[in-house]
């Protein structure tokens, strides 16, 4: 109930999410038709098309993945003075945001995608793909790692799905059960199933029930998706 538009469909908008600072600010990624870059948009609950504001400049590409309770956003971005990387970004509507680089050894070797910060903000899960494999979503490995928001580090990465790099779609890892488990989809496009990985014992269980159906894009509880 209560559906209302936040944008008018003029632009290509992707992967809406929320802030986690108690304000419940809707966020999404918008493709700029002139530059081809993505930039981060924000609106408000009850907002109308045209009221949204840009949090980053379309002259460089930015993508919001997840959020922290202190208002910072986990983003992939390429600000001109800092270069491409993963950052904790402090929004500054109408001005320049503040970017704080996150240190992660895997980020030097490939792409981190569909990044999700755990509810307690001490863990992080994501898709990973080596640069040499291009940008196809098929064949990615899913990882969980320790996350320190104060030191801005991702450490001790552990693959928990498709470590072998099978040519299947393993994607969209998201936290559930208070941060004790991760739900994700895996399979061939058009026939994906849902699985849950539990941190306490390292077990993985299929939770979707119809082998002929297509299950994709799982979302988590109390965490931006």
C-alpha atoms as a PDB file:
ATOM      1  CA  UNK A   1       0.000   0.000   0.000  1.00  0.00           C
ATOM      2  CA  UNK A   2       0.977   3.640  -0.237  1.00  0.00           C
ATOM      3  CA  UNK A   3       2.749   3.321  -3.564  1.00  0.00           C
ATOM      4  CA  UNK A   4       3.974   6.600  -5.028  1.00  0.00           C
ATOM      5  CA  UNK A   5       6.559   7.510  -7.653  1.00  0.00           C
ATOM      6  CA  UNK A   6       9.913   8.960  -6.678  1.00  0.00           C
ATOM      7  CA  UNK A   7      11.074   9.434 -10.286  1.00  0.00           C
ATOM      8  CA  UNK A   8       9.213   9.922 -13.546  1.00  0.00           C
ATOM      9  CA  UNK A   9      10.956   7.339 -15.720  1.00  0.00           C
ATOM     10  CA  UNK A  10      12.881   9.884 -17.776  1.00  0.00           C
ATOM     11  CA  UNK A  11      16.177   8.342 -16.624  1.00  0.00           C
ATOM     12  CA  UNK A  12      17.395   4.795 -16.136  1.00  0.00           C
ATOM     13  CA  UNK A  13      17.372   4.203 -12.368  1.00  0.00           C
ATOM     14  CA  UNK A  14      18.826   1.127 -10.681  1.00  0.00           C
ATOM     15  CA  UNK A  15      18.933  -0.769  -7.383  1.00  0.00           C
ATOM     16  CA  UNK A  16      17.044   1.440  -4.929  1.00  0.00           C
ATOM     17  CA  UNK A  17      18.047   1.153  -1.274  1.00  0.00           C
ATOM     18  CA  UNK A  18      17.745   3.054   2.034  1.00  0.00           C
ATOM     19  CA  UNK A  19      19.972   4.921   4.428  1.00  0.00           C
ATOM     20  CA  UNK A  20      20.447   3.236   7.791  1.00  0.00           C
ATOM     21  CA  UNK A  21      20.698   6.404   9.895  1.00  0.00           C
ATOM     22  CA  UNK A  22      17.077   6.398  11.038  1.00  0.00           C
ATOM     23  CA  UNK A  23      15.946   8.833   8.344  1.00  0.00           C
ATOM     24  CA  UNK A  24      14.933   6.111   5.856  1.00  0.00           C
ATOM     25  CA  UNK A  25      16.131   8.179   2.912  1.00  0.00           C
ATOM     26  CA  UNK A  26      15.493   6.367  -0.403  1.00  0.00           C
ATOM     27  CA  UNK A  27      18.632   6.112  -2.558  1.00  0.00           C
ATOM     28  CA  UNK A  28      19.237   4.811  -6.048  1.00  0.00           C
ATOM     29  CA  UNK A  29      21.722   4.846  -8.928  1.00  0.00           C
ATOM     30  CA  UNK A  30      20.936   6.844 -12.071  1.00  0.00           C
ATOM     31  CA  UNK A  31      22.574   6.504 -15.482  1.00  0.00           C
ATOM     32  CA  UNK A  32      23.468   9.791 -17.115  1.00  0.00           C
ATOM     33  CA  UNK A  33      22.488   9.618 -20.817  1.00  0.00           C
ATOM     34  CA  UNK A  34      25.224  12.062 -21.841  1.00  0.00           C
ATOM     35  CA  UNK A  35      28.276  10.649 -20.042  1.00  0.00           C
ATOM     36  CA  UNK A  36      27.130   7.052 -19.549  1.00  0.00           C
ATOM     37  CA  UNK A  37      28.241   7.351 -15.929  1.00  0.00           C
ATOM     38  CA  UNK A  38      26.137   6.493 -12.911  1.00  0.00           C
ATOM     39  CA  UNK A  39      25.489   8.885 -10.071  1.00  0.00           C
ATOM     40  CA  UNK A  40      23.723   8.524  -6.749  1.00  0.00           C
ATOM     41  CA  UNK A  41      20.293  10.037  -6.197  1.00  0.00           C
ATOM     42  CA  UNK A  42      18.316  10.640  -2.998  1.00  0.00           C
ATOM     43  CA  UNK A  43      14.702  11.522  -2.293  1.00  0.00           C
ATOM     44  CA  UNK A  44      12.374  11.177   0.710  1.00  0.00           C
ATOM     45  CA  UNK A  45       9.419   9.094   1.761  1.00  0.00           C
ATOM     46  CA  UNK A  46       6.432  10.933   0.346  1.00  0.00           C
ATOM     47  CA  UNK A  47       8.568  12.621  -2.288  1.00  0.00           C
ATOM     48  CA  UNK A  48       7.451  13.240  -5.841  1.00  0.00           C
ATOM     49  CA  UNK A  49       9.280  13.096  -9.202  1.00  0.00           C
ATOM     50  CA  UNK A  50      11.509  16.132  -9.614  1.00  0.00           C
ATOM     51  CA  UNK A  51      12.253  16.460  -5.896  1.00  0.00           C
ATOM     52  CA  UNK A  52      15.146  13.979  -6.011  1.00  0.00           C
ATOM     53  CA  UNK A  53      18.650  15.372  -5.609  1.00  0.00           C
ATOM     54  CA  UNK A  54      22.017  14.136  -6.874  1.00  0.00           C
ATOM     55  CA  UNK A  55      24.510  13.171  -4.166  1.00  0.00           C
ATOM     56  CA  UNK A  56      27.385  12.738  -6.642  1.00  0.00           C
ATOM     57  CA  UNK A  57      28.444  14.449  -9.865  1.00  0.00           C
ATOM     58  CA  UNK A  58      27.636  12.704 -13.152  1.00  0.00           C
ATOM     59  CA  UNK A  59      31.063  13.711 -14.493  1.00  0.00           C
ATOM     60  CA  UNK A  60      32.462  10.650 -12.682  1.00  0.00           C
ATOM     61  CA  UNK A  61      30.789   7.333 -11.986  1.00  0.00           C
ATOM     62  CA  UNK A  62      29.444   6.363  -8.544  1.00  0.00           C
ATOM     63  CA  UNK A  63      27.268   3.506  -7.300  1.00  0.00           C
ATOM     64  CA  UNK A  64      25.778   3.071  -3.826  1.00  0.00           C
ATOM     65  CA  UNK A  65      25.798  -0.492  -2.467  1.00  0.00           C
ATOM     66  CA  UNK A  66      24.949  -0.338   1.220  1.00  0.00           C
ATOM     67  CA  UNK A  67      24.847   2.040   4.186  1.00  0.00           C
ATOM     68  CA  UNK A  68      25.994   2.577   7.779  1.00  0.00           C
ATOM     69  CA  UNK A  69      24.074   3.775  10.816  1.00  0.00           C
ATOM     70  CA  UNK A  70      26.275   6.896  11.058  1.00  0.00           C
ATOM     71  CA  UNK A  71      24.958   8.116   7.693  1.00  0.00           C
ATOM     72  CA  UNK A  72      27.900   7.114   5.532  1.00  0.00           C
ATOM     73  CA  UNK A  73      27.283   5.089   2.381  1.00  0.00           C
ATOM     74  CA  UNK A  74      29.334   2.205   1.009  1.00  0.00           C
ATOM     75  CA  UNK A  75      29.989   3.215  -2.609  1.00  0.00           C
ATOM     76  CA  UNK A  76      32.056   2.321  -5.625  1.00  0.00           C
ATOM     77  CA  UNK A  77      33.247   5.561  -7.157  1.00  0.00           C
ATOM     78  CA  UNK A  78      35.917   7.286  -9.225  1.00  0.00           C
ATOM     79  CA  UNK A  79      36.204  10.853  -7.878  1.00  0.00           C
ATOM     80  CA  UNK A  80      38.738  12.767 -10.028  1.00  0.00           C
ATOM     81  CA  UNK A  81      41.218  13.569  -7.250  1.00  0.00           C
ATOM     82  CA  UNK A  82      41.108  10.125  -5.641  1.00  0.00           C
ATOM     83  CA  UNK A  83      40.612   7.649  -8.484  1.00  0.00           C
ATOM     84  CA  UNK A  84      38.574   4.497  -8.762  1.00  0.00           C
ATOM     85  CA  UNK A  85      37.919   2.544  -5.594  1.00  0.00           C
ATOM     86  CA  UNK A  86      35.537   1.667  -2.802  1.00  0.00           C
ATOM     87  CA  UNK A  87      34.721   4.364  -0.298  1.00  0.00           C
ATOM     88  CA  UNK A  88      32.637   5.305   2.692  1.00  0.00           C
ATOM     89  CA  UNK A  89      30.924   8.421   1.405  1.00  0.00           C
ATOM     90  CA  UNK A  90      29.410  11.116   3.600  1.00  0.00           C
ATOM     91  CA  UNK A  91      26.635  12.797   1.577  1.00  0.00           C
ATOM     92  CA  UNK A  92      26.570  16.577   1.283  1.00  0.00           C
ATOM     93  CA  UNK A  93      23.476  17.504  -0.758  1.00  0.00           C
ATOM     94  CA  UNK A  94      24.223  20.604  -2.797  1.00  0.00           C
ATOM     95  CA  UNK A  95      27.966  20.274  -2.216  1.00  0.00           C
ATOM     96  CA  UNK A  96      30.865  17.873  -2.565  1.00  0.00           C
ATOM     97  CA  UNK A  97      30.540  14.602  -0.640  1.00  0.00           C
ATOM     98  CA  UNK A  98      33.381  13.329   1.516  1.00  0.00           C
ATOM     99  CA  UNK A  99      35.070  10.138   0.302  1.00  0.00           C
ATOM    100  CA  UNK A 100      37.088   7.883   2.634  1.00  0.00           C
ATOM    101  CA  UNK A 101      38.854   5.040   0.834  1.00  0.00           C
ATOM    102  CA  UNK A 102      38.316   1.475   2.049  1.00  0.00           C
ATOM    103  CA  UNK A 103      41.375  -0.769   2.079  1.00  0.00           C
ATOM    104  CA  UNK A 104      40.768  -4.229   0.617  1.00  0.00           C
ATOM    105  CA  UNK A 105      43.362  -6.492  -0.965  1.00  0.00           C
ATOM    106  CA  UNK A 106      40.814  -8.216  -3.205  1.00  0.00           C
ATOM    107  CA  UNK A 107      39.757  -4.846  -4.624  1.00  0.00           C
ATOM    108  CA  UNK A 108      43.211  -4.572  -6.209  1.00  0.00           C
ATOM    109  CA  UNK A 109      42.645  -7.824  -8.080  1.00  0.00           C
ATOM    110  CA  UNK A 110      39.109  -7.460  -9.385  1.00  0.00           C
ATOM    111  CA  UNK A 111      35.537  -6.239  -9.021  1.00  0.00           C
ATOM    112  CA  UNK A 112      33.519  -6.209  -5.806  1.00  0.00           C
ATOM    113  CA  UNK A 113      29.808  -6.103  -6.575  1.00  0.00           C
ATOM    114  CA  UNK A 114      26.415  -6.363  -4.793  1.00  0.00           C
ATOM    115  CA  UNK A 115      28.163  -5.391  -1.560  1.00  0.00           C
ATOM    116  CA  UNK A 116      26.101  -5.700   1.634  1.00  0.00           C
ATOM    117  CA  UNK A 117      27.145  -4.592   5.138  1.00  0.00           C
ATOM    118  CA  UNK A 118      25.854  -6.760   7.991  1.00  0.00           C
ATOM    119  CA  UNK A 119      23.342  -5.338  10.513  1.00  0.00           C
ATOM    120  CA  UNK A 120      26.046  -5.040  13.201  1.00  0.00           C
ATOM    121  CA  UNK A 121      28.412  -3.498  10.608  1.00  0.00           C
ATOM    122  CA  UNK A 122      31.204  -5.945  11.482  1.00  0.00           C
ATOM    123  CA  UNK A 123      30.903  -8.198   8.424  1.00  0.00           C
ATOM    124  CA  UNK A 124      30.444  -7.654   4.720  1.00  0.00           C
ATOM    125  CA  UNK A 125      29.457  -9.933   1.841  1.00  0.00           C
ATOM    126  CA  UNK A 126      29.875  -9.419  -1.892  1.00  0.00           C
ATOM    127  CA  UNK A 127      30.374 -10.871  -5.352  1.00  0.00           C
ATOM    128  CA  UNK A 128      33.952 -10.990  -6.651  1.00  0.00           C
ATOM    129  CA  UNK A 129      35.388 -11.304 -10.131  1.00  0.00           C
ATOM    130  CA  UNK A 130      39.026 -11.084 -11.263  1.00  0.00           C
ATOM    131  CA  UNK A 131      39.788  -8.318 -13.764  1.00  0.00           C
ATOM    132  CA  UNK A 132      40.981 -10.856 -16.334  1.00  0.00           C
ATOM    133  CA  UNK A 133      37.485 -12.368 -16.481  1.00  0.00           C
ATOM    134  CA  UNK A 134      35.880  -9.122 -17.610  1.00  0.00           C
ATOM    135  CA  UNK A 135      32.559  -8.007 -16.133  1.00  0.00           C
ATOM    136  CA  UNK A 136      30.185 -10.903 -16.815  1.00  0.00           C
ATOM    137  CA  UNK A 137      28.036 -11.815 -13.814  1.00  0.00           C
ATOM    138  CA  UNK A 138      28.336 -15.502 -14.697  1.00  0.00           C
ATOM    139  CA  UNK A 139      31.026 -17.384 -12.766  1.00  0.00           C
ATOM    140  CA  UNK A 140      31.556 -14.980  -9.875  1.00  0.00           C
ATOM    141  CA  UNK A 141      32.588 -16.135  -6.396  1.00  0.00           C
ATOM    142  CA  UNK A 142      30.716 -14.989  -3.285  1.00  0.00           C
ATOM    143  CA  UNK A 143      32.771 -13.821  -0.299  1.00  0.00           C
ATOM    144  CA  UNK A 144      32.265 -12.826   3.312  1.00  0.00           C
ATOM    145  CA  UNK A 145      34.865 -10.689   5.091  1.00  0.00           C
ATOM    146  CA  UNK A 146      35.468  -8.782   8.312  1.00  0.00           C
ATOM    147  CA  UNK A 147      34.578  -5.102   8.117  1.00  0.00           C
ATOM    148  CA  UNK A 148      35.863  -2.247  10.281  1.00  0.00           C
ATOM    149  CA  UNK A 149      34.007   0.987   9.606  1.00  0.00           C
ATOM    150  CA  UNK A 150      36.337   3.052  11.807  1.00  0.00           C
ATOM    151  CA  UNK A 151      39.554   1.815  10.191  1.00  0.00           C
ATOM    152  CA  UNK A 152      37.798   1.464   6.808  1.00  0.00           C
ATOM    153  CA  UNK A 153      39.158  -2.016   6.148  1.00  0.00           C
ATOM    154  CA  UNK A 154      37.884  -5.278   4.682  1.00  0.00           C
ATOM    155  CA  UNK A 155      40.006  -8.197   5.893  1.00  0.00           C
ATOM    156  CA  UNK A 156      40.016 -12.007   6.103  1.00  0.00           C
ATOM    157  CA  UNK A 157      37.944 -12.604   2.952  1.00  0.00           C
ATOM    158  CA  UNK A 158      36.475 -16.111   2.794  1.00  0.00           C
ATOM    159  CA  UNK A 159      34.778 -17.586  -0.280  1.00  0.00           C
ATOM    160  CA  UNK A 160      31.516 -19.289   0.650  1.00  0.00           C
ATOM    161  CA  UNK A 161      29.933 -19.990  -2.752  1.00  0.00           C
ATOM    162  CA  UNK A 162      31.391 -20.901  -6.161  1.00  0.00           C
ATOM    163  CA  UNK A 163      35.031 -20.838  -5.129  1.00  0.00           C
ATOM    164  CA  UNK A 164      35.693 -22.979  -8.212  1.00  0.00           C
ATOM    165  CA  UNK A 165      34.329 -20.308 -10.542  1.00  0.00           C
ATOM    166  CA  UNK A 166      31.693 -22.521 -12.182  1.00  0.00           C
ATOM    167  CA  UNK A 167      30.005 -20.842 -15.139  1.00  0.00           C
ATOM    168  CA  UNK A 168      26.767 -20.292 -13.226  1.00  0.00           C
ATOM    169  CA  UNK A 169      25.200 -17.137 -11.851  1.00  0.00           C
ATOM    170  CA  UNK A 170      26.002 -16.828  -8.140  1.00  0.00           C
ATOM    171  CA  UNK A 171      24.722 -13.434  -7.102  1.00  0.00           C
ATOM    172  CA  UNK A 172      23.041 -10.943  -4.803  1.00  0.00           C
ATOM    173  CA  UNK A 173      24.283 -12.061  -1.380  1.00  0.00           C
ATOM    174  CA  UNK A 174      22.247 -10.429   1.406  1.00  0.00           C
ATOM    175  CA  UNK A 175      22.219 -10.701   5.199  1.00  0.00           C
ATOM    176  CA  UNK A 176      19.339 -12.380   7.043  1.00  0.00           C
ATOM    177  CA  UNK A 177      18.623 -13.775  10.517  1.00  0.00           C
ATOM    178  CA  UNK A 178      20.219 -10.826  12.290  1.00  0.00           C
ATOM    179  CA  UNK A 179      23.504 -11.154  10.417  1.00  0.00           C
ATOM    180  CA  UNK A 180      24.051 -14.859  11.143  1.00  0.00           C
ATOM    181  CA  UNK A 181      23.286 -16.020   7.606  1.00  0.00           C
ATOM    182  CA  UNK A 182      23.469 -14.895   3.968  1.00  0.00           C
ATOM    183  CA  UNK A 183      20.868 -15.589   1.284  1.00  0.00           C
ATOM    184  CA  UNK A 184      21.868 -15.642  -2.394  1.00  0.00           C
ATOM    185  CA  UNK A 185      20.712 -16.989  -5.742  1.00  0.00           C
ATOM    186  CA  UNK A 186      22.572 -19.445  -7.953  1.00  0.00           C
ATOM    187  CA  UNK A 187      21.945 -21.243 -11.231  1.00  0.00           C
ATOM    188  CA  UNK A 188      21.431 -20.492 -14.889  1.00  0.00           C
ATOM    189  CA  UNK A 189      19.655 -17.259 -15.863  1.00  0.00           C
ATOM    190  CA  UNK A 190      16.004 -18.238 -16.095  1.00  0.00           C
ATOM    191  CA  UNK A 191      16.383 -21.049 -13.585  1.00  0.00           C
ATOM    192  CA  UNK A 192      18.050 -19.750 -10.432  1.00  0.00           C
ATOM    193  CA  UNK A 193      17.383 -21.146  -6.949  1.00  0.00           C
ATOM    194  CA  UNK A 194      17.760 -19.564  -3.511  1.00  0.00           C
ATOM    195  CA  UNK A 195      20.352 -20.753  -0.997  1.00  0.00           C
ATOM    196  CA  UNK A 196      21.241 -19.806   2.574  1.00  0.00           C
ATOM    197  CA  UNK A 197      24.796 -19.900   3.935  1.00  0.00           C
ATOM    198  CA  UNK A 198      25.090 -20.013   7.744  1.00  0.00           C
ATOM    199  CA  UNK A 199      28.196 -18.541   9.313  1.00  0.00           C
ATOM    200  CA  UNK A 200      28.104 -20.599  12.519  1.00  0.00           C
ATOM    201  CA  UNK A 201      28.838 -23.925  10.814  1.00  0.00           C
ATOM    202  CA  UNK A 202      29.634 -23.014   7.195  1.00  0.00           C
ATOM    203  CA  UNK A 203      26.652 -24.957   5.879  1.00  0.00           C
ATOM    204  CA  UNK A 204      24.699 -24.109   2.715  1.00  0.00           C
ATOM    205  CA  UNK A 205      21.075 -25.154   2.156  1.00  0.00           C
ATOM    206  CA  UNK A 206      18.714 -24.672  -0.759  1.00  0.00           C
ATOM    207  CA  UNK A 207      15.587 -22.913   0.502  1.00  0.00           C
ATOM    208  CA  UNK A 208      13.612 -22.456  -2.731  1.00  0.00           C
ATOM    209  CA  UNK A 209      11.136 -25.266  -3.340  1.00  0.00           C
ATOM    210  CA  UNK A 210      10.229 -25.402  -7.032  1.00  0.00           C
ATOM    211  CA  UNK A 211      13.078 -26.658  -9.252  1.00  0.00           C
ATOM    212  CA  UNK A 212      11.259 -25.435 -12.365  1.00  0.00           C
ATOM    213  CA  UNK A 213      10.752 -21.887 -11.084  1.00  0.00           C
ATOM    214  CA  UNK A 214      13.189 -18.982 -11.275  1.00  0.00           C
ATOM    215  CA  UNK A 215      14.213 -17.358  -7.997  1.00  0.00           C
ATOM    216  CA  UNK A 216      16.410 -14.239  -8.119  1.00  0.00           C
ATOM    217  CA  UNK A 217      17.465 -11.048  -6.357  1.00  0.00           C
ATOM    218  CA  UNK A 218      16.916 -11.994  -2.701  1.00  0.00           C
ATOM    219  CA  UNK A 219      16.640  -9.161  -0.210  1.00  0.00           C
ATOM    220  CA  UNK A 220      17.617  -9.062   3.450  1.00  0.00           C
ATOM    221  CA  UNK A 221      16.080  -7.848   6.676  1.00  0.00           C
ATOM    222  CA  UNK A 222      17.054  -4.576   8.407  1.00  0.00           C
ATOM    223  CA  UNK A 223      19.804  -3.952   5.867  1.00  0.00           C
ATOM    224  CA  UNK A 224      19.993  -2.027   2.587  1.00  0.00           C
ATOM    225  CA  UNK A 225      19.667  -4.337  -0.397  1.00  0.00           C
END
